[in-house]
Each structure stands twice: as C-alpha cells, then as structure tokens.
Amino acid sequence: MDKVSYPLKIGTQGTAVVQLHAALQLCLKLGVLVAESPRDRAQLAFGLAHDRARALYGDATATLVDRFQGERRLLANGEVDAAVADALNELIRGWDSRKLH
C-alpha cells in the first residue's frame, strides 16, 4: 500500500485521496477505526465507497478522518495533516510487514 500524503481536505481529488481511501478502508475492515461499533463501521464504509468512486475527499472521508483523529487523540478537524498522515503510515507499515493488505 502506498503512503498517505498531506495536506488533504474536503474537495481534494486525485491519487493522494485514493491512497487515503485505501488506508481508511483497511482501518474499517480490520476494526482499527470505529472498533466499538460494527454497525457504524458499515455505515461509514458505505459513505466512503461513494467518495472512493469519485476519488474525492468528500464528507464521508472527512468524517472518517475526524473519527480517526479523535480515536488517536489528534486535533480533530477532518483534514489530513502531518500528524494524521504519520499515524496512518505507521499503521500501514505494520500491516505491510504482516502482509495484511
């Protein structure tokens, strides 16, 4: 999986957003994000699929980033900054080393 880059925010489109979507999708799939509620994870995954189809940093992506920030005790603003990218990339490195992708 490719690294998540920054800055990313609502309205951004392109390859960097596709990479973010892949990381967020895997977080949901593995229960790393919204671990306490499978129902919420399913709803968020549905919204993310809509953003992914357009390669757009839309409302669903922002909501997931905001949840990730809150769960990681980062500044929660729904935007990918260096701290968010670093946290996601650290997870990705761990997954890649275990061949979970």
N, C-alpha and C. Protein backbone atom coordinates (compact mmCIF):
# COMPACT_ATOMS: atom_id res chain seq x y z
N MET A 1 0.84 -1.17 0.00
CA MET A 1 0.00 0.00 0.00
C MET A 1 0.89 1.24 0.00
N ASP A 2 0.48 2.23 -0.76
CA ASP A 2 1.25 3.47 -0.84
C ASP A 2 1.02 4.33 0.39
N LYS A 3 1.99 5.20 0.66
CA LYS A 3 1.91 6.09 1.81
C LYS A 3 0.83 7.14 1.63
N VAL A 4 0.25 7.54 2.75
CA VAL A 4 -0.70 8.64 2.78
C VAL A 4 0.10 9.94 2.84
N SER A 5 -0.28 10.89 1.99
CA SER A 5 0.41 12.17 1.98
C SER A 5 -0.51 13.25 2.56
N TYR A 6 0.01 14.43 2.70
CA TYR A 6 -0.74 15.56 3.24
C TYR A 6 -0.25 16.83 2.58
N PRO A 7 -0.96 17.92 2.67
CA PRO A 7 -2.28 18.12 3.28
C PRO A 7 -3.39 17.64 2.35
N LEU A 8 -4.46 17.15 2.95
CA LEU A 8 -5.65 16.74 2.23
C LEU A 8 -6.86 17.26 2.99
N LYS A 9 -7.85 17.74 2.25
CA LYS A 9 -9.06 18.27 2.88
C LYS A 9 -10.23 18.15 1.90
N ILE A 10 -11.40 18.48 2.38
CA ILE A 10 -12.61 18.39 1.55
C ILE A 10 -12.40 19.11 0.23
N GLY A 11 -12.80 18.42 -0.84
CA GLY A 11 -12.69 18.97 -2.18
C GLY A 11 -11.48 18.49 -2.95
N THR A 12 -10.48 17.93 -2.24
CA THR A 12 -9.28 17.43 -2.90
C THR A 12 -9.64 16.17 -3.69
N GLN A 13 -9.05 16.03 -4.88
CA GLN A 13 -9.25 14.84 -5.70
C GLN A 13 -7.90 14.33 -6.18
N GLY A 14 -7.87 13.07 -6.59
CA GLY A 14 -6.66 12.53 -7.21
C GLY A 14 -6.05 11.36 -6.48
N THR A 15 -4.84 11.05 -6.89
CA THR A 15 -4.12 9.87 -6.41
C THR A 15 -3.91 9.89 -4.90
N ALA A 16 -3.56 11.04 -4.35
CA ALA A 16 -3.33 11.12 -2.91
C ALA A 16 -4.59 10.77 -2.13
N VAL A 17 -5.74 11.16 -2.65
CA VAL A 17 -7.01 10.84 -2.00
C VAL A 17 -7.31 9.35 -2.13
N VAL A 18 -7.01 8.78 -3.28
CA VAL A 18 -7.20 7.34 -3.48
C VAL A 18 -6.37 6.56 -2.46
N GLN A 19 -5.15 6.99 -2.21
CA GLN A 19 -4.29 6.33 -1.23
C GLN A 19 -4.87 6.46 0.18
N LEU A 20 -5.39 7.64 0.50
CA LEU A 20 -6.04 7.85 1.80
C LEU A 20 -7.25 6.93 1.92
N HIS A 21 -8.08 6.86 0.88
CA HIS A 21 -9.25 5.99 0.91
C HIS A 21 -8.87 4.54 1.18
N ALA A 22 -7.81 4.07 0.55
CA ALA A 22 -7.37 2.69 0.75
C ALA A 22 -6.99 2.45 2.21
N ALA A 23 -6.28 3.40 2.79
CA ALA A 23 -5.88 3.27 4.19
C ALA A 23 -7.09 3.28 5.11
N LEU A 24 -8.02 4.20 4.86
CA LEU A 24 -9.22 4.27 5.70
C LEU A 24 -10.07 3.02 5.56
N GLN A 25 -10.20 2.52 4.34
CA GLN A 25 -10.97 1.30 4.10
C GLN A 25 -10.38 0.13 4.88
N LEU A 26 -9.06 0.02 4.88
CA LEU A 26 -8.41 -1.05 5.61
C LEU A 26 -8.58 -0.87 7.12
N CYS A 27 -8.52 0.37 7.59
CA CYS A 27 -8.79 0.64 9.01
C CYS A 27 -10.17 0.15 9.41
N LEU A 28 -11.14 0.40 8.56
CA LEU A 28 -12.51 -0.06 8.83
C LEU A 28 -12.59 -1.58 8.79
N LYS A 29 -12.01 -2.17 7.76
CA LYS A 29 -12.06 -3.62 7.58
C LYS A 29 -11.43 -4.36 8.75
N LEU A 30 -10.31 -3.85 9.25
CA LEU A 30 -9.59 -4.51 10.33
C LEU A 30 -10.12 -4.11 11.71
N GLY A 31 -11.09 -3.21 11.75
CA GLY A 31 -11.65 -2.78 13.03
C GLY A 31 -10.75 -1.86 13.82
N VAL A 32 -9.77 -1.27 13.14
CA VAL A 32 -8.87 -0.32 13.79
C VAL A 32 -9.57 1.01 14.02
N LEU A 33 -10.53 1.30 13.19
CA LEU A 33 -11.28 2.54 13.25
C LEU A 33 -12.73 2.19 13.58
N VAL A 34 -13.30 2.89 14.54
CA VAL A 34 -14.67 2.68 15.00
C VAL A 34 -14.83 1.23 15.47
N ALA A 35 -13.87 0.77 16.25
CA ALA A 35 -13.82 -0.62 16.69
C ALA A 35 -15.03 -1.03 17.52
N GLU A 36 -15.60 -0.08 18.23
CA GLU A 36 -16.67 -0.41 19.16
C GLU A 36 -18.02 -0.64 18.50
N SER A 37 -18.15 -0.32 17.23
CA SER A 37 -19.46 -0.39 16.60
C SER A 37 -19.40 -0.91 15.16
N PRO A 38 -19.62 -2.20 14.98
CA PRO A 38 -19.63 -2.75 13.61
C PRO A 38 -20.70 -2.07 12.73
N ARG A 39 -21.81 -1.69 13.31
CA ARG A 39 -22.87 -1.03 12.53
C ARG A 39 -22.38 0.33 12.02
N ASP A 40 -21.76 1.11 12.90
CA ASP A 40 -21.21 2.41 12.47
C ASP A 40 -20.13 2.22 11.42
N ARG A 41 -19.28 1.20 11.60
CA ARG A 41 -18.24 0.93 10.60
C ARG A 41 -18.85 0.65 9.25
N ALA A 42 -19.93 -0.13 9.23
CA ALA A 42 -20.58 -0.47 7.95
C ALA A 42 -21.16 0.78 7.30
N GLN A 43 -21.77 1.65 8.09
CA GLN A 43 -22.33 2.88 7.54
C GLN A 43 -21.24 3.79 7.01
N LEU A 44 -20.16 3.90 7.75
CA LEU A 44 -19.05 4.74 7.31
C LEU A 44 -18.39 4.16 6.06
N ALA A 45 -18.28 2.85 5.98
CA ALA A 45 -17.72 2.20 4.79
C ALA A 45 -18.59 2.48 3.57
N PHE A 46 -19.89 2.50 3.75
CA PHE A 46 -20.81 2.80 2.65
C PHE A 46 -20.58 4.22 2.13
N GLY A 47 -20.46 5.18 3.04
CA GLY A 47 -20.19 6.56 2.64
C GLY A 47 -18.83 6.70 1.98
N LEU A 48 -17.84 5.98 2.51
CA LEU A 48 -16.51 6.03 1.92
C LEU A 48 -16.52 5.49 0.50
N ALA A 49 -17.30 4.44 0.26
CA ALA A 49 -17.38 3.86 -1.09
C ALA A 49 -17.86 4.90 -2.09
N HIS A 50 -18.77 5.75 -1.68
CA HIS A 50 -19.27 6.82 -2.55
C HIS A 50 -18.14 7.80 -2.89
N ASP A 51 -17.38 8.21 -1.89
CA ASP A 51 -16.24 9.11 -2.13
C ASP A 51 -15.18 8.43 -2.97
N ARG A 52 -14.94 7.14 -2.70
CA ARG A 52 -13.91 6.40 -3.44
C ARG A 52 -14.25 6.31 -4.93
N ALA A 53 -15.52 6.14 -5.23
CA ALA A 53 -15.94 6.02 -6.63
C ALA A 53 -15.61 7.28 -7.43
N ARG A 54 -15.52 8.41 -6.73
CA ARG A 54 -15.22 9.68 -7.39
C ARG A 54 -13.80 10.16 -7.11
N ALA A 55 -13.03 9.37 -6.36
CA ALA A 55 -11.67 9.77 -5.94
C ALA A 55 -11.70 11.18 -5.34
N LEU A 56 -12.70 11.41 -4.48
CA LEU A 56 -12.96 12.72 -3.91
C LEU A 56 -12.87 12.69 -2.39
N TYR A 57 -12.22 13.68 -1.84
CA TYR A 57 -12.22 13.87 -0.38
C TYR A 57 -13.53 14.59 -0.05
N GLY A 58 -14.54 13.78 0.17
CA GLY A 58 -15.87 14.31 0.44
C GLY A 58 -16.20 14.25 1.92
N ASP A 59 -17.49 14.44 2.20
CA ASP A 59 -17.95 14.47 3.59
C ASP A 59 -17.68 13.17 4.33
N ALA A 60 -17.87 12.04 3.65
CA ALA A 60 -17.64 10.74 4.32
C ALA A 60 -16.17 10.57 4.67
N THR A 61 -15.29 10.98 3.78
CA THR A 61 -13.85 10.90 4.05
C THR A 61 -13.50 11.79 5.23
N ALA A 62 -14.03 13.00 5.24
CA ALA A 62 -13.76 13.94 6.33
C ALA A 62 -14.26 13.39 7.66
N THR A 63 -15.43 12.76 7.64
CA THR A 63 -15.97 12.17 8.86
C THR A 63 -15.07 11.07 9.38
N LEU A 64 -14.59 10.22 8.48
CA LEU A 64 -13.68 9.14 8.90
C LEU A 64 -12.36 9.68 9.43
N VAL A 65 -11.83 10.68 8.77
CA VAL A 65 -10.57 11.28 9.24
C VAL A 65 -10.80 11.90 10.62
N ASP A 66 -11.92 12.57 10.80
CA ASP A 66 -12.26 13.17 12.10
C ASP A 66 -12.35 12.09 13.19
N ARG A 67 -13.00 10.97 12.87
CA ARG A 67 -13.09 9.86 13.83
C ARG A 67 -11.70 9.30 14.13
N PHE A 68 -10.88 9.13 13.10
CA PHE A 68 -9.52 8.64 13.29
C PHE A 68 -8.75 9.59 14.21
N GLN A 69 -8.87 10.88 13.94
CA GLN A 69 -8.18 11.87 14.76
C GLN A 69 -8.63 11.77 16.22
N GLY A 70 -9.93 11.68 16.43
CA GLY A 70 -10.45 11.59 17.79
C GLY A 70 -9.97 10.34 18.51
N GLU A 71 -9.99 9.21 17.81
CA GLU A 71 -9.57 7.96 18.42
C GLU A 71 -8.07 7.93 18.70
N ARG A 72 -7.30 8.70 17.93
CA ARG A 72 -5.84 8.77 18.12
C ARG A 72 -5.42 9.99 18.94
N ARG A 73 -6.40 10.72 19.45
CA ARG A 73 -6.16 11.92 20.26
C ARG A 73 -5.34 12.97 19.52
N LEU A 74 -5.70 13.14 18.25
CA LEU A 74 -5.09 14.18 17.42
C LEU A 74 -6.10 15.31 17.28
N LEU A 75 -5.64 16.47 16.84
CA LEU A 75 -6.54 17.59 16.59
C LEU A 75 -7.59 17.13 15.59
N ALA A 76 -8.85 17.13 16.01
CA ALA A 76 -9.94 16.62 15.17
C ALA A 76 -10.55 17.76 14.36
N ASN A 77 -10.18 17.79 13.06
CA ASN A 77 -10.74 18.80 12.16
C ASN A 77 -11.14 18.21 10.81
N GLY A 78 -11.00 16.89 10.67
CA GLY A 78 -11.40 16.22 9.44
C GLY A 78 -10.45 16.41 8.27
N GLU A 79 -9.27 16.96 8.52
CA GLU A 79 -8.28 17.18 7.47
C GLU A 79 -7.02 16.37 7.77
N VAL A 80 -6.37 15.92 6.71
CA VAL A 80 -5.13 15.16 6.88
C VAL A 80 -3.96 16.13 6.91
N ASP A 81 -3.32 16.18 8.07
CA ASP A 81 -2.10 16.96 8.23
C ASP A 81 -0.96 15.98 8.48
N ALA A 82 0.21 16.48 8.84
CA ALA A 82 1.37 15.62 9.05
C ALA A 82 1.11 14.57 10.13
N ALA A 83 0.46 14.96 11.22
CA ALA A 83 0.21 14.02 12.32
C ALA A 83 -0.69 12.87 11.89
N VAL A 84 -1.73 13.17 11.14
CA VAL A 84 -2.66 12.14 10.66
C VAL A 84 -1.95 11.23 9.66
N ALA A 85 -1.25 11.82 8.71
CA ALA A 85 -0.52 11.04 7.71
C ALA A 85 0.50 10.13 8.39
N ASP A 86 1.23 10.65 9.36
CA ASP A 86 2.21 9.84 10.08
C ASP A 86 1.55 8.67 10.80
N ALA A 87 0.43 8.92 11.47
CA ALA A 87 -0.27 7.86 12.20
C ALA A 87 -0.78 6.78 11.25
N LEU A 88 -1.37 7.19 10.14
CA LEU A 88 -1.85 6.21 9.16
C LEU A 88 -0.69 5.44 8.53
N ASN A 89 0.38 6.14 8.20
CA ASN A 89 1.54 5.47 7.59
C ASN A 89 2.21 4.49 8.54
N GLU A 90 2.19 4.79 9.84
CA GLU A 90 2.72 3.86 10.82
C GLU A 90 1.89 2.57 10.83
N LEU A 91 0.58 2.71 10.77
CA LEU A 91 -0.29 1.53 10.69
C LEU A 91 -0.01 0.74 9.42
N ILE A 92 0.10 1.45 8.31
CA ILE A 92 0.35 0.79 7.01
C ILE A 92 1.65 0.00 7.05
N ARG A 93 2.69 0.59 7.61
CA ARG A 93 3.98 -0.12 7.71
C ARG A 93 3.81 -1.42 8.50
N GLY A 94 3.05 -1.37 9.57
CA GLY A 94 2.80 -2.57 10.37
C GLY A 94 2.02 -3.61 9.58
N TRP A 95 1.02 -3.17 8.83
CA TRP A 95 0.21 -4.10 8.03
C TRP A 95 1.05 -4.70 6.93
N ASP A 96 1.84 -3.88 6.25
CA ASP A 96 2.68 -4.38 5.16
C ASP A 96 3.67 -5.42 5.66
N SER A 97 4.19 -5.18 6.86
CA SER A 97 5.18 -6.12 7.39
C SER A 97 4.53 -7.46 7.75
N ARG A 98 3.21 -7.44 8.01
CA ARG A 98 2.49 -8.68 8.33
C ARG A 98 1.71 -9.21 7.13
N LYS A 99 1.81 -8.51 5.99
CA LYS A 99 1.15 -8.94 4.76
C LYS A 99 -0.37 -9.03 4.91
N LEU A 100 -0.96 -8.00 5.59
CA LEU A 100 -2.40 -7.99 5.80
C LEU A 100 -3.16 -7.29 4.70
N HIS A 101 -2.48 -6.66 3.78
CA HIS A 101 -3.20 -5.93 2.73
C HIS A 101 -3.59 -6.90 1.71
